[in-house]
């Protein structure tokens, strides 16, 4: 077994931390930045590493990146409120969905549809937790009506889900494609 195979879990976790670090500064992206990949990172960590230590490391990184952005890069602290603690169950929902999705590892349509379904459900649950807690616990919306909340959900839910889907689908499909190519290579070497 070579070094990469022995350290695959750590290399994967390192790659996910880099992806989060490169994208955490902007929720929905802009002309000069990519959308935040944090939700996808937790889902992918569930698939590829699945452990509690990965979860703790990624949570710590997210909090540290937020702290650095606010204190050193002049990023607004608008989202920091008592609701911030609800990012823990938000990210846990995605990690658990990733752990569940890991058992559907083939490129078959059925397995891919299970993974997509789990990702959509987990992202929706994550949205409801993080968005709901922010609107109801941050103290910034004391007179928010259900109609106004619904209009805000309609505005923020699509980009929240789409960026998570984009990152997750790209990584999962590329990973499965690489695994498939490696299996074909090994099979052709065995036949030779």
N, C-alpha and C. Protein backbone atom coordinates (compact mmCIF):
# COMPACT_ATOMS: atom_id res chain seq x y z
N UNK A 1 0.84 -1.17 0.00
CA UNK A 1 0.00 0.00 0.00
C UNK A 1 0.89 1.24 0.00
N UNK A 2 0.60 2.18 -0.91
CA UNK A 2 1.43 3.37 -0.98
C UNK A 2 0.99 4.43 0.04
N UNK A 3 1.78 5.49 0.12
CA UNK A 3 1.56 6.53 1.12
C UNK A 3 0.19 7.19 0.95
N UNK A 4 -0.21 7.45 -0.28
CA UNK A 4 -1.50 8.11 -0.53
C UNK A 4 -2.65 7.24 -0.04
N UNK A 5 -2.61 5.96 -0.33
CA UNK A 5 -3.67 5.06 0.12
C UNK A 5 -3.71 4.98 1.65
N UNK A 6 -2.56 4.96 2.28
CA UNK A 6 -2.51 4.89 3.74
C UNK A 6 -3.07 6.15 4.40
N UNK A 7 -2.93 7.27 3.75
CA UNK A 7 -3.32 8.55 4.34
C UNK A 7 -4.51 9.19 3.63
N UNK A 8 -5.30 8.40 2.93
CA UNK A 8 -6.41 8.91 2.13
C UNK A 8 -7.40 9.73 2.97
N UNK A 9 -7.72 9.24 4.14
CA UNK A 9 -8.68 9.94 5.00
C UNK A 9 -8.14 11.32 5.40
N UNK A 10 -6.87 11.39 5.76
CA UNK A 10 -6.28 12.66 6.17
C UNK A 10 -6.14 13.62 4.99
N UNK A 11 -5.77 13.10 3.84
CA UNK A 11 -5.66 13.93 2.65
C UNK A 11 -7.02 14.48 2.23
N UNK A 12 -8.04 13.65 2.36
CA UNK A 12 -9.40 14.08 2.05
C UNK A 12 -9.83 15.19 3.00
N UNK A 13 -9.60 14.98 4.28
CA UNK A 13 -9.97 15.99 5.27
C UNK A 13 -9.20 17.29 5.04
N UNK A 14 -7.93 17.18 4.70
CA UNK A 14 -7.13 18.36 4.40
C UNK A 14 -7.71 19.10 3.19
N UNK A 15 -8.08 18.37 2.16
CA UNK A 15 -8.67 18.98 0.97
C UNK A 15 -9.99 19.69 1.30
N UNK A 16 -10.79 19.08 2.14
CA UNK A 16 -12.06 19.70 2.54
C UNK A 16 -11.82 20.97 3.35
N UNK A 17 -10.81 20.96 4.22
CA UNK A 17 -10.52 22.18 4.99
C UNK A 17 -10.05 23.31 4.07
N UNK A 18 -9.30 22.96 3.04
CA UNK A 18 -8.85 23.98 2.08
C UNK A 18 -10.05 24.54 1.32
N UNK A 19 -10.96 23.66 0.88
CA UNK A 19 -12.15 24.12 0.16
C UNK A 19 -12.96 25.08 1.03
N UNK A 20 -13.14 24.74 2.31
CA UNK A 20 -13.88 25.65 3.19
C UNK A 20 -13.14 26.97 3.36
N UNK A 21 -11.84 26.90 3.56
CA UNK A 21 -11.06 28.13 3.78
C UNK A 21 -11.12 29.06 2.56
N UNK A 22 -11.15 28.48 1.38
CA UNK A 22 -11.16 29.29 0.16
C UNK A 22 -12.53 29.91 -0.15
N UNK A 23 -13.58 29.36 0.43
CA UNK A 23 -14.91 29.81 0.04
C UNK A 23 -15.76 30.40 1.17
N UNK A 24 -15.32 30.35 2.38
CA UNK A 24 -16.18 30.72 3.52
C UNK A 24 -16.51 32.20 3.58
N UNK A 25 -15.82 33.04 2.87
CA UNK A 25 -16.00 34.48 3.03
C UNK A 25 -17.28 35.04 2.43
N UNK A 26 -17.98 34.30 1.57
CA UNK A 26 -19.18 34.85 0.92
C UNK A 26 -20.23 33.76 0.79
N UNK A 27 -21.40 33.96 1.42
CA UNK A 27 -22.44 32.93 1.40
C UNK A 27 -22.81 32.48 -0.01
N UNK A 28 -23.13 33.44 -0.87
CA UNK A 28 -23.70 33.10 -2.17
C UNK A 28 -22.76 33.36 -3.34
N UNK A 29 -21.56 33.83 -3.05
CA UNK A 29 -20.61 34.11 -4.12
C UNK A 29 -20.85 35.47 -4.74
N UNK A 30 -19.89 35.88 -5.53
CA UNK A 30 -19.99 37.17 -6.22
C UNK A 30 -19.13 37.08 -7.47
N UNK A 31 -18.91 38.20 -8.10
CA UNK A 31 -18.08 38.22 -9.31
C UNK A 31 -16.63 37.86 -8.99
N UNK A 32 -16.22 38.03 -7.73
CA UNK A 32 -14.83 37.76 -7.38
C UNK A 32 -14.65 36.64 -6.36
N UNK A 33 -15.74 36.01 -5.95
CA UNK A 33 -15.59 34.92 -4.97
C UNK A 33 -16.58 33.80 -5.26
N UNK A 34 -16.18 32.62 -4.87
CA UNK A 34 -17.04 31.44 -5.01
C UNK A 34 -18.04 31.40 -3.87
N UNK A 35 -19.18 30.75 -4.07
CA UNK A 35 -20.12 30.61 -2.95
C UNK A 35 -19.54 29.72 -1.86
N UNK A 36 -20.01 29.92 -0.67
CA UNK A 36 -19.55 29.17 0.50
C UNK A 36 -19.79 27.67 0.30
N UNK A 37 -18.77 26.89 0.52
CA UNK A 37 -18.85 25.43 0.36
C UNK A 37 -18.99 24.71 1.70
N UNK A 38 -19.18 25.42 2.80
CA UNK A 38 -19.17 24.80 4.12
C UNK A 38 -20.19 23.68 4.26
N UNK A 39 -21.40 23.88 3.78
CA UNK A 39 -22.42 22.83 3.89
C UNK A 39 -22.00 21.58 3.13
N UNK A 40 -21.52 21.77 1.93
CA UNK A 40 -21.05 20.64 1.13
C UNK A 40 -19.86 19.97 1.80
N UNK A 41 -18.98 20.74 2.41
CA UNK A 41 -17.81 20.18 3.08
C UNK A 41 -18.24 19.22 4.19
N UNK A 42 -19.24 19.60 4.96
CA UNK A 42 -19.70 18.71 6.03
C UNK A 42 -20.37 17.46 5.46
N UNK A 43 -21.13 17.60 4.40
CA UNK A 43 -21.74 16.44 3.75
C UNK A 43 -20.65 15.51 3.20
N UNK A 44 -19.68 16.07 2.51
CA UNK A 44 -18.60 15.27 1.94
C UNK A 44 -17.73 14.63 3.02
N UNK A 45 -17.53 15.34 4.12
CA UNK A 45 -16.79 14.75 5.24
C UNK A 45 -17.53 13.54 5.78
N UNK A 46 -18.85 13.61 5.81
CA UNK A 46 -19.64 12.46 6.24
C UNK A 46 -19.45 11.27 5.32
N UNK A 47 -19.37 11.51 4.03
CA UNK A 47 -19.16 10.42 3.07
C UNK A 47 -17.76 9.85 3.19
N UNK A 48 -16.77 10.71 3.18
CA UNK A 48 -15.39 10.25 3.02
C UNK A 48 -14.62 10.03 4.32
N UNK A 49 -15.00 10.71 5.41
CA UNK A 49 -14.27 10.51 6.66
C UNK A 49 -15.19 10.04 7.77
N UNK A 50 -16.38 10.61 7.84
CA UNK A 50 -17.45 10.14 8.69
C UNK A 50 -17.29 10.20 10.19
N UNK A 51 -16.17 10.63 10.69
CA UNK A 51 -15.95 10.56 12.12
C UNK A 51 -16.25 11.83 12.88
N UNK A 52 -16.40 11.67 14.18
CA UNK A 52 -16.67 12.80 15.07
C UNK A 52 -15.49 13.77 15.10
N UNK A 53 -14.28 13.23 14.97
CA UNK A 53 -13.10 14.11 14.97
C UNK A 53 -13.09 15.01 13.74
N UNK A 54 -13.53 14.50 12.60
CA UNK A 54 -13.65 15.33 11.40
C UNK A 54 -14.65 16.44 11.64
N UNK A 55 -15.76 16.10 12.27
CA UNK A 55 -16.81 17.07 12.56
C UNK A 55 -16.27 18.18 13.47
N UNK A 56 -15.58 17.80 14.53
CA UNK A 56 -15.03 18.77 15.48
C UNK A 56 -13.99 19.65 14.79
N UNK A 57 -13.12 19.05 13.99
CA UNK A 57 -12.10 19.83 13.28
C UNK A 57 -12.74 20.84 12.34
N UNK A 58 -13.74 20.41 11.57
CA UNK A 58 -14.38 21.31 10.62
C UNK A 58 -15.19 22.40 11.32
N UNK A 59 -15.84 22.06 12.43
CA UNK A 59 -16.55 23.08 13.21
C UNK A 59 -15.58 24.14 13.73
N UNK A 60 -14.45 23.68 14.24
CA UNK A 60 -13.43 24.59 14.76
C UNK A 60 -12.90 25.48 13.65
N UNK A 61 -12.66 24.88 12.49
CA UNK A 61 -12.18 25.68 11.36
C UNK A 61 -13.20 26.74 10.97
N UNK A 62 -14.47 26.36 10.89
CA UNK A 62 -15.52 27.31 10.50
C UNK A 62 -15.56 28.50 11.48
N UNK A 63 -15.53 28.21 12.77
CA UNK A 63 -15.56 29.27 13.77
C UNK A 63 -14.31 30.14 13.69
N UNK A 64 -13.16 29.53 13.50
CA UNK A 64 -11.92 30.28 13.39
C UNK A 64 -11.91 31.17 12.15
N UNK A 65 -12.39 30.64 11.02
CA UNK A 65 -12.46 31.44 9.80
C UNK A 65 -13.41 32.63 9.98
N UNK A 66 -14.53 32.40 10.65
CA UNK A 66 -15.47 33.50 10.91
C UNK A 66 -14.82 34.56 11.80
N UNK A 67 -14.13 34.12 12.84
CA UNK A 67 -13.45 35.04 13.75
C UNK A 67 -12.41 35.88 12.99
N UNK A 68 -11.60 35.23 12.18
CA UNK A 68 -10.56 35.93 11.42
C UNK A 68 -11.19 36.91 10.43
N UNK A 69 -12.25 36.48 9.75
CA UNK A 69 -12.91 37.35 8.77
C UNK A 69 -13.46 38.61 9.44
N UNK A 70 -14.04 38.45 10.61
CA UNK A 70 -14.65 39.59 11.31
C UNK A 70 -13.59 40.50 11.92
N UNK A 71 -12.58 39.91 12.53
CA UNK A 71 -11.59 40.74 13.26
C UNK A 71 -10.46 41.28 12.38
N UNK A 72 -10.18 40.62 11.26
CA UNK A 72 -9.02 41.04 10.45
C UNK A 72 -9.36 41.46 9.03
N UNK A 73 -10.49 41.02 8.50
CA UNK A 73 -10.81 41.31 7.09
C UNK A 73 -12.02 42.23 6.94
N UNK A 74 -12.46 42.82 8.03
CA UNK A 74 -13.57 43.76 8.01
C UNK A 74 -14.87 43.18 7.45
N UNK A 75 -15.08 41.90 7.64
CA UNK A 75 -16.35 41.28 7.26
C UNK A 75 -17.36 41.60 8.36
N UNK A 76 -18.57 41.89 7.98
CA UNK A 76 -19.61 42.26 8.94
C UNK A 76 -19.90 41.11 9.92
N UNK A 77 -20.18 41.48 11.16
CA UNK A 77 -20.55 40.49 12.18
C UNK A 77 -22.06 40.36 12.30
N UNK A 78 -22.79 40.78 11.29
CA UNK A 78 -24.25 40.79 11.30
C UNK A 78 -24.84 39.42 11.65
N UNK A 79 -24.23 38.36 11.17
CA UNK A 79 -24.78 37.01 11.39
C UNK A 79 -24.39 36.41 12.74
N UNK A 80 -23.53 37.08 13.49
CA UNK A 80 -23.14 36.57 14.79
C UNK A 80 -24.19 37.00 15.81
N UNK A 81 -24.82 36.02 16.40
CA UNK A 81 -25.91 36.27 17.35
C UNK A 81 -26.05 35.02 18.22
N UNK A 82 -27.01 35.00 19.13
CA UNK A 82 -27.25 33.77 19.90
C UNK A 82 -27.60 32.57 19.01
N UNK A 83 -28.05 32.83 17.80
CA UNK A 83 -28.40 31.75 16.87
C UNK A 83 -27.17 31.07 16.28
N UNK A 84 -25.99 31.67 16.41
CA UNK A 84 -24.76 31.11 15.83
C UNK A 84 -24.52 29.69 16.30
N UNK A 85 -24.87 29.38 17.54
CA UNK A 85 -24.66 28.05 18.09
C UNK A 85 -25.47 26.99 17.31
N UNK A 86 -26.51 27.42 16.63
CA UNK A 86 -27.33 26.48 15.86
C UNK A 86 -26.64 26.01 14.57
N UNK A 87 -25.46 26.55 14.30
CA UNK A 87 -24.69 25.99 13.19
C UNK A 87 -24.20 24.58 13.52
N UNK A 88 -24.11 24.25 14.79
CA UNK A 88 -23.68 22.89 15.17
C UNK A 88 -24.69 21.86 14.67
N UNK A 89 -25.98 21.96 15.01
CA UNK A 89 -26.92 20.97 14.44
C UNK A 89 -27.11 21.13 12.93
N UNK A 90 -26.92 22.34 12.42
CA UNK A 90 -27.00 22.56 10.97
C UNK A 90 -25.97 21.69 10.26
N UNK A 91 -24.73 21.79 10.70
CA UNK A 91 -23.66 21.03 10.06
C UNK A 91 -23.75 19.54 10.40
N UNK A 92 -24.24 19.21 11.58
CA UNK A 92 -24.42 17.81 11.97
C UNK A 92 -25.41 17.11 11.03
N UNK A 93 -26.46 17.81 10.64
CA UNK A 93 -27.44 17.22 9.71
C UNK A 93 -26.77 16.82 8.40
N UNK A 94 -25.88 17.66 7.93
CA UNK A 94 -25.19 17.35 6.67
C UNK A 94 -24.18 16.23 6.84
N UNK A 95 -23.43 16.24 7.93
CA UNK A 95 -22.46 15.17 8.17
C UNK A 95 -23.18 13.82 8.29
N UNK A 96 -24.28 13.78 9.01
CA UNK A 96 -25.03 12.53 9.17
C UNK A 96 -25.61 12.05 7.85
N UNK A 97 -26.09 12.97 7.03
CA UNK A 97 -26.58 12.59 5.70
C UNK A 97 -25.44 12.04 4.86
N UNK A 98 -24.27 12.62 4.98
CA UNK A 98 -23.10 12.10 4.26
C UNK A 98 -22.73 10.70 4.73
N UNK A 99 -22.77 10.49 6.03
CA UNK A 99 -22.47 9.14 6.57
C UNK A 99 -23.46 8.12 6.03
N UNK A 100 -24.75 8.50 5.99
CA UNK A 100 -25.77 7.61 5.45
C UNK A 100 -25.53 7.37 3.95
N UNK A 101 -25.17 8.43 3.23
CA UNK A 101 -24.95 8.33 1.78
C UNK A 101 -23.74 7.49 1.41
N UNK A 102 -22.80 7.36 2.33
CA UNK A 102 -21.56 6.63 2.03
C UNK A 102 -21.81 5.18 1.64
N UNK A 103 -22.91 4.62 2.11
CA UNK A 103 -23.18 3.21 1.77
C UNK A 103 -23.69 3.04 0.34
N UNK A 104 -23.98 4.14 -0.34
CA UNK A 104 -24.42 4.09 -1.73
C UNK A 104 -23.29 4.61 -2.61
N UNK A 105 -22.29 3.78 -2.79
CA UNK A 105 -21.04 4.23 -3.37
C UNK A 105 -20.89 3.97 -4.87
N UNK A 106 -21.83 3.31 -5.50
CA UNK A 106 -21.65 3.01 -6.92
C UNK A 106 -22.13 4.16 -7.79
N UNK A 107 -21.86 4.04 -9.07
CA UNK A 107 -22.33 5.03 -10.03
C UNK A 107 -23.70 4.66 -10.60
N UNK A 108 -24.35 3.68 -10.01
CA UNK A 108 -25.68 3.28 -10.46
C UNK A 108 -26.67 4.39 -10.15
N UNK A 109 -27.66 4.52 -11.02
CA UNK A 109 -28.67 5.57 -10.87
C UNK A 109 -29.38 5.52 -9.53
N UNK A 110 -29.66 4.31 -9.06
CA UNK A 110 -30.36 4.17 -7.78
C UNK A 110 -29.51 4.73 -6.63
N UNK A 111 -28.23 4.38 -6.60
CA UNK A 111 -27.35 4.87 -5.53
C UNK A 111 -27.19 6.39 -5.61
N UNK A 112 -27.02 6.90 -6.81
CA UNK A 112 -26.87 8.35 -6.97
C UNK A 112 -28.15 9.08 -6.56
N UNK A 113 -29.31 8.49 -6.88
CA UNK A 113 -30.57 9.15 -6.49
C UNK A 113 -30.75 9.13 -4.98
N UNK A 114 -30.32 8.06 -4.30
CA UNK A 114 -30.37 8.03 -2.83
C UNK A 114 -29.48 9.12 -2.24
N UNK A 115 -28.29 9.25 -2.79
CA UNK A 115 -27.38 10.28 -2.30
C UNK A 115 -27.95 11.68 -2.53
N UNK A 116 -28.50 11.91 -3.71
CA UNK A 116 -29.08 13.21 -4.01
C UNK A 116 -30.26 13.51 -3.09
N UNK A 117 -31.10 12.51 -2.87
CA UNK A 117 -32.24 12.69 -1.97
C UNK A 117 -31.77 13.03 -0.56
N UNK A 118 -30.78 12.30 -0.05
CA UNK A 118 -30.25 12.57 1.30
C UNK A 118 -29.66 13.96 1.38
N UNK A 119 -28.96 14.36 0.34
CA UNK A 119 -28.35 15.69 0.32
C UNK A 119 -29.42 16.79 0.30
N UNK A 120 -30.46 16.61 -0.49
CA UNK A 120 -31.54 17.60 -0.55
C UNK A 120 -32.28 17.71 0.79
N UNK A 121 -32.58 16.57 1.38
CA UNK A 121 -33.28 16.58 2.67
C UNK A 121 -32.40 17.23 3.74
N UNK A 122 -31.14 16.82 3.80
CA UNK A 122 -30.23 17.37 4.82
C UNK A 122 -30.01 18.86 4.62
N UNK A 123 -29.89 19.30 3.38
CA UNK A 123 -29.68 20.73 3.12
C UNK A 123 -30.92 21.53 3.50
N UNK A 124 -32.09 20.96 3.26
CA UNK A 124 -33.33 21.63 3.65
C UNK A 124 -33.44 21.72 5.17
N UNK A 125 -33.13 20.62 5.85
CA UNK A 125 -33.14 20.63 7.32
C UNK A 125 -32.12 21.65 7.84
N UNK A 126 -30.92 21.65 7.25
CA UNK A 126 -29.89 22.60 7.65
C UNK A 126 -30.37 24.04 7.45
N UNK A 127 -31.03 24.30 6.34
CA UNK A 127 -31.56 25.64 6.08
C UNK A 127 -32.58 26.03 7.13
N UNK A 128 -33.50 25.13 7.42
CA UNK A 128 -34.54 25.44 8.41
C UNK A 128 -33.94 25.71 9.78
N UNK A 129 -32.91 24.96 10.15
CA UNK A 129 -32.26 25.16 11.45
C UNK A 129 -31.52 26.50 11.48
N UNK A 130 -30.64 26.71 10.49
CA UNK A 130 -29.81 27.92 10.54
C UNK A 130 -30.62 29.17 10.25
N UNK A 131 -31.46 29.13 9.24
CA UNK A 131 -32.25 30.29 8.88
C UNK A 131 -33.31 30.60 9.94
N UNK A 132 -34.01 29.57 10.36
CA UNK A 132 -35.04 29.75 11.38
C UNK A 132 -34.48 30.28 12.69
N UNK A 133 -33.37 29.70 13.13
CA UNK A 133 -32.78 30.16 14.39
C UNK A 133 -32.31 31.61 14.27
N UNK A 134 -31.76 31.98 13.11
CA UNK A 134 -31.30 33.35 12.93
C UNK A 134 -32.48 34.33 12.99
N UNK A 135 -33.54 34.03 12.27
CA UNK A 135 -34.67 34.95 12.24
C UNK A 135 -35.40 35.03 13.57
N UNK A 136 -35.43 33.94 14.31
CA UNK A 136 -36.23 33.94 15.54
C UNK A 136 -35.41 34.18 16.81
N UNK A 137 -34.08 34.01 16.75
CA UNK A 137 -33.27 34.16 17.96
C UNK A 137 -32.24 35.28 17.91
N UNK A 138 -32.00 35.84 16.75
CA UNK A 138 -30.94 36.84 16.64
C UNK A 138 -31.32 38.18 17.26
N UNK A 139 -32.61 38.42 17.40
CA UNK A 139 -33.04 39.71 17.93
C UNK A 139 -33.09 40.80 16.87
N UNK A 140 -32.79 40.48 15.64
CA UNK A 140 -32.76 41.47 14.57
C UNK A 140 -34.11 41.61 13.85
N UNK A 141 -35.04 40.70 14.14
CA UNK A 141 -36.33 40.70 13.45
C UNK A 141 -37.47 40.53 14.47
N UNK A 142 -37.65 41.48 15.37
CA UNK A 142 -38.64 41.30 16.44
C UNK A 142 -40.09 41.24 15.94
N UNK A 143 -40.39 41.89 14.84
CA UNK A 143 -41.77 41.94 14.34
C UNK A 143 -41.94 41.18 13.04
N UNK A 144 -41.14 40.16 12.81
CA UNK A 144 -41.18 39.40 11.56
C UNK A 144 -42.46 38.57 11.48
N UNK A 145 -43.23 38.80 10.43
CA UNK A 145 -44.47 38.02 10.24
C UNK A 145 -44.13 36.75 9.45
N UNK A 146 -45.06 35.81 9.47
CA UNK A 146 -44.86 34.56 8.71
C UNK A 146 -44.82 34.84 7.21
N UNK A 147 -45.54 35.82 6.77
CA UNK A 147 -45.54 36.17 5.34
C UNK A 147 -44.16 36.71 4.95
N UNK A 148 -43.64 37.61 5.78
CA UNK A 148 -42.32 38.16 5.49
C UNK A 148 -41.24 37.08 5.59
N UNK A 149 -41.36 36.22 6.60
CA UNK A 149 -40.39 35.12 6.74
C UNK A 149 -40.45 34.22 5.50
N UNK A 150 -41.64 33.91 5.04
CA UNK A 150 -41.80 33.06 3.84
C UNK A 150 -41.16 33.69 2.62
N UNK A 151 -41.30 34.99 2.47
CA UNK A 151 -40.68 35.66 1.32
C UNK A 151 -39.16 35.63 1.42
N UNK A 152 -38.65 35.71 2.62
CA UNK A 152 -37.19 35.62 2.81
C UNK A 152 -36.69 34.19 2.53
N UNK A 153 -37.48 33.20 2.93
CA UNK A 153 -37.13 31.81 2.62
C UNK A 153 -37.08 31.63 1.11
N UNK A 154 -38.06 32.15 0.40
CA UNK A 154 -38.10 32.03 -1.06
C UNK A 154 -36.88 32.69 -1.70
N UNK A 155 -36.38 33.74 -1.08
CA UNK A 155 -35.21 34.44 -1.62
C UNK A 155 -33.90 33.70 -1.33
N UNK A 156 -33.73 33.16 -0.11
CA UNK A 156 -32.45 32.61 0.30
C UNK A 156 -32.32 31.09 0.13
N UNK A 157 -33.42 30.38 0.11
CA UNK A 157 -33.35 28.92 0.01
C UNK A 157 -32.73 28.43 -1.30
N UNK A 158 -33.12 28.94 -2.47
CA UNK A 158 -32.52 28.43 -3.72
C UNK A 158 -30.99 28.55 -3.79
N UNK A 159 -30.39 29.71 -3.47
CA UNK A 159 -28.92 29.75 -3.53
C UNK A 159 -28.26 28.88 -2.45
N UNK A 160 -28.91 28.75 -1.31
CA UNK A 160 -28.40 27.92 -0.22
C UNK A 160 -28.28 26.47 -0.68
N UNK A 161 -29.33 25.99 -1.32
CA UNK A 161 -29.36 24.60 -1.80
C UNK A 161 -28.48 24.43 -3.03
N UNK A 162 -28.53 25.37 -3.96
CA UNK A 162 -27.82 25.18 -5.22
C UNK A 162 -26.31 25.13 -5.05
N UNK A 163 -25.75 25.98 -4.20
CA UNK A 163 -24.29 25.92 -4.02
C UNK A 163 -23.88 24.62 -3.33
N UNK A 164 -24.67 24.17 -2.39
CA UNK A 164 -24.37 22.90 -1.71
C UNK A 164 -24.44 21.74 -2.69
N UNK A 165 -25.47 21.73 -3.51
CA UNK A 165 -25.61 20.69 -4.53
C UNK A 165 -24.46 20.74 -5.53
N UNK A 166 -24.11 21.93 -5.97
CA UNK A 166 -23.05 22.08 -6.97
C UNK A 166 -21.74 21.47 -6.48
N UNK A 167 -21.28 21.88 -5.32
CA UNK A 167 -20.02 21.35 -4.79
C UNK A 167 -20.11 19.85 -4.54
N UNK A 168 -21.17 19.41 -3.91
CA UNK A 168 -21.29 18.00 -3.54
C UNK A 168 -21.36 17.10 -4.76
N UNK A 169 -22.17 17.46 -5.73
CA UNK A 169 -22.31 16.63 -6.93
C UNK A 169 -21.00 16.56 -7.70
N UNK A 170 -20.33 17.68 -7.86
CA UNK A 170 -19.06 17.69 -8.58
C UNK A 170 -18.05 16.78 -7.90
N UNK A 171 -17.90 16.92 -6.59
CA UNK A 171 -16.90 16.12 -5.87
C UNK A 171 -17.27 14.64 -5.88
N UNK A 172 -18.53 14.32 -5.60
CA UNK A 172 -18.94 12.91 -5.56
C UNK A 172 -18.77 12.26 -6.93
N UNK A 173 -19.22 12.90 -7.99
CA UNK A 173 -19.10 12.31 -9.33
C UNK A 173 -17.64 12.18 -9.76
N UNK A 174 -16.84 13.20 -9.50
CA UNK A 174 -15.41 13.11 -9.86
C UNK A 174 -14.72 12.00 -9.09
N UNK A 175 -15.05 11.88 -7.82
CA UNK A 175 -14.44 10.83 -6.99
C UNK A 175 -14.84 9.46 -7.50
N UNK A 176 -16.11 9.28 -7.79
CA UNK A 176 -16.58 7.99 -8.29
C UNK A 176 -15.98 7.67 -9.65
N UNK A 177 -15.81 8.69 -10.47
CA UNK A 177 -15.21 8.50 -11.78
C UNK A 177 -13.74 8.07 -11.65
N UNK A 178 -13.00 8.71 -10.74
CA UNK A 178 -11.60 8.34 -10.51
C UNK A 178 -11.50 6.91 -9.99
N UNK A 179 -12.38 6.55 -9.05
CA UNK A 179 -12.38 5.18 -8.52
C UNK A 179 -12.66 4.18 -9.64
N UNK A 180 -13.61 4.51 -10.50
CA UNK A 180 -13.95 3.62 -11.60
C UNK A 180 -12.76 3.47 -12.56
N UNK A 181 -12.07 4.56 -12.86
CA UNK A 181 -10.90 4.50 -13.73
C UNK A 181 -9.79 3.65 -13.11
N UNK A 182 -9.59 3.80 -11.80
CA UNK A 182 -8.57 3.01 -11.12
C UNK A 182 -8.90 1.53 -11.14
N UNK A 183 -10.18 1.18 -10.97
CA UNK A 183 -10.59 -0.22 -11.02
C UNK A 183 -10.35 -0.79 -12.41
N UNK A 184 -10.66 -0.01 -13.45
CA UNK A 184 -10.42 -0.45 -14.82
C UNK A 184 -8.93 -0.67 -15.07
N UNK A 185 -8.10 0.23 -14.53
CA UNK A 185 -6.65 0.11 -14.69
C UNK A 185 -6.12 -1.14 -13.99
N UNK A 186 -6.60 -1.38 -12.76
CA UNK A 186 -6.18 -2.57 -12.01
C UNK A 186 -6.62 -3.84 -12.74
N UNK A 187 -7.86 -3.85 -13.23
CA UNK A 187 -8.37 -5.02 -13.95
C UNK A 187 -7.56 -5.29 -15.22
N UNK A 188 -7.17 -4.24 -15.94
CA UNK A 188 -6.39 -4.44 -17.16
C UNK A 188 -4.97 -4.91 -16.83
N UNK A 189 -4.42 -4.47 -15.70
CA UNK A 189 -3.08 -4.93 -15.28
C UNK A 189 -3.13 -6.38 -14.86
N UNK A 190 -4.21 -6.80 -14.23
CA UNK A 190 -4.36 -8.19 -13.81
C UNK A 190 -4.46 -9.10 -15.04
N UNK A 191 -5.20 -8.66 -16.04
CA UNK A 191 -5.36 -9.46 -17.26
C UNK A 191 -4.07 -9.57 -18.04
N UNK A 192 -3.21 -8.55 -17.93
CA UNK A 192 -1.95 -8.53 -18.70
C UNK A 192 -0.96 -9.42 -18.06
